[in-house]
């Protein structure tokens, strides 16, 4: 009778632990306390958040302060950054 008890306990323990993992995954992600906006013209080379007019991937800005490269910043911040613009700049 020793082996069936060990198997039963191991199965019960596995079921209990898997239930903990499922409940942790099922929780909604916490929302940030503030919203974000795109800010153009302030990005360092290779640090852009997404595609530019001349490239298709994040991290591909060719030079610092590239006019069409952007990063996300908290809403209202871009206007306060020297050189920042909420719209793509002309080259």
Protein backbone atom coordinates (compact mmCIF):
# COMPACT_ATOMS: atom_id res chain seq x y z
CA UNK A 1 0.00 0.00 0.00
CA UNK A 2 2.98 2.31 0.34
CA UNK A 3 3.44 2.90 -3.38
CA UNK A 4 -0.16 3.83 -4.24
CA UNK A 5 -0.12 6.40 -1.41
CA UNK A 6 3.12 7.97 -2.72
CA UNK A 7 1.73 8.13 -6.26
CA UNK A 8 -1.53 9.61 -5.01
CA UNK A 9 0.26 12.23 -2.93
CA UNK A 10 2.58 13.11 -5.81
CA UNK A 11 -0.42 13.49 -8.14
CA UNK A 12 -2.29 15.64 -5.62
CA UNK A 13 0.78 17.83 -5.09
CA UNK A 14 1.27 18.26 -8.85
CA UNK A 15 -2.40 19.19 -9.29
CA UNK A 16 -2.23 21.72 -6.46
CA UNK A 17 0.91 23.34 -7.83
CA UNK A 18 -0.45 23.49 -11.37
CA UNK A 19 -3.56 25.23 -10.05
CA UNK A 20 -1.38 27.93 -8.48
CA UNK A 21 0.38 28.55 -11.78
CA UNK A 22 -2.88 28.82 -13.69
CA UNK A 23 -4.37 31.30 -11.26
CA UNK A 24 -1.24 33.45 -11.42
CA UNK A 25 -1.34 33.52 -15.22
CA UNK A 26 -5.06 34.24 -15.33
CA UNK A 27 -4.70 37.59 -13.52
CA UNK A 28 -4.88 40.70 -15.74
CA UNK A 29 -1.67 42.64 -16.21
CA UNK A 30 -1.31 45.85 -14.24
CA UNK A 31 -1.95 48.93 -16.37
CA UNK A 32 0.61 51.73 -16.31
CA UNK A 33 -0.41 54.79 -14.32
CA UNK A 34 0.13 57.07 -17.34
CA UNK A 35 -0.28 56.99 -21.11
CA UNK A 36 2.47 57.14 -23.73
CA UNK A 37 3.04 59.10 -26.93
CA UNK A 38 5.56 58.87 -29.74
CA UNK A 39 8.34 61.45 -29.63
CA UNK A 40 10.34 62.02 -32.82
CA UNK A 41 13.82 63.46 -33.24
CA UNK A 42 15.29 62.64 -29.82
CA UNK A 43 16.41 59.06 -30.36
CA UNK A 44 20.01 57.95 -30.03
CA UNK A 45 21.41 55.85 -32.85
CA UNK A 46 20.04 52.29 -32.70
CA UNK A 47 17.59 53.02 -29.85
CA UNK A 48 14.31 53.74 -31.70
CA UNK A 49 11.17 51.92 -30.57
CA UNK A 50 9.82 50.95 -33.99
CA UNK A 51 10.12 51.36 -37.74
CA UNK A 52 11.16 54.64 -39.35
CA UNK A 53 10.50 55.93 -42.86
CA UNK A 54 13.80 54.35 -43.94
CA UNK A 55 13.88 51.15 -41.89
CA UNK A 56 11.45 48.45 -40.83
CA UNK A 57 12.58 47.50 -37.32
CA UNK A 58 13.13 48.83 -33.85
CA UNK A 59 16.73 49.62 -32.97
CA UNK A 60 17.72 50.60 -36.51
CA UNK A 61 18.02 54.40 -36.35
CA UNK A 62 21.19 55.22 -38.25
CA UNK A 63 22.11 58.41 -36.37
CA UNK A 64 21.35 60.37 -33.23
CA UNK A 65 18.26 62.61 -33.41
CA UNK A 66 17.13 61.08 -36.69
CA UNK A 67 14.00 63.10 -37.65
CA UNK A 68 11.77 60.09 -38.46
CA UNK A 69 12.88 57.86 -35.55
CA UNK A 70 10.79 57.85 -32.38
CA UNK A 71 10.54 56.46 -28.84
CA UNK A 72 7.60 56.23 -26.48
CA UNK A 73 7.58 58.80 -23.67
CA UNK A 74 4.91 59.59 -21.07
CA UNK A 75 2.18 61.80 -22.56
CA UNK A 76 3.04 65.49 -22.30
CA UNK A 77 6.78 64.86 -21.99
CA UNK A 78 7.80 65.16 -25.64
CA UNK A 79 6.98 68.88 -25.85
CA UNK A 80 9.28 69.48 -22.87
CA UNK A 81 12.29 67.73 -24.45
CA UNK A 82 14.54 69.99 -26.52
CA UNK A 83 14.26 68.83 -30.12
CA UNK A 84 11.27 66.58 -29.44
CA UNK A 85 8.24 66.56 -31.70
CA UNK A 86 4.95 64.62 -31.61
CA UNK A 87 5.12 64.42 -35.44
CA UNK A 88 7.94 63.24 -37.71
CA UNK A 89 10.33 66.04 -38.60
CA UNK A 90 11.49 66.88 -42.08
CA UNK A 91 14.99 65.58 -42.88
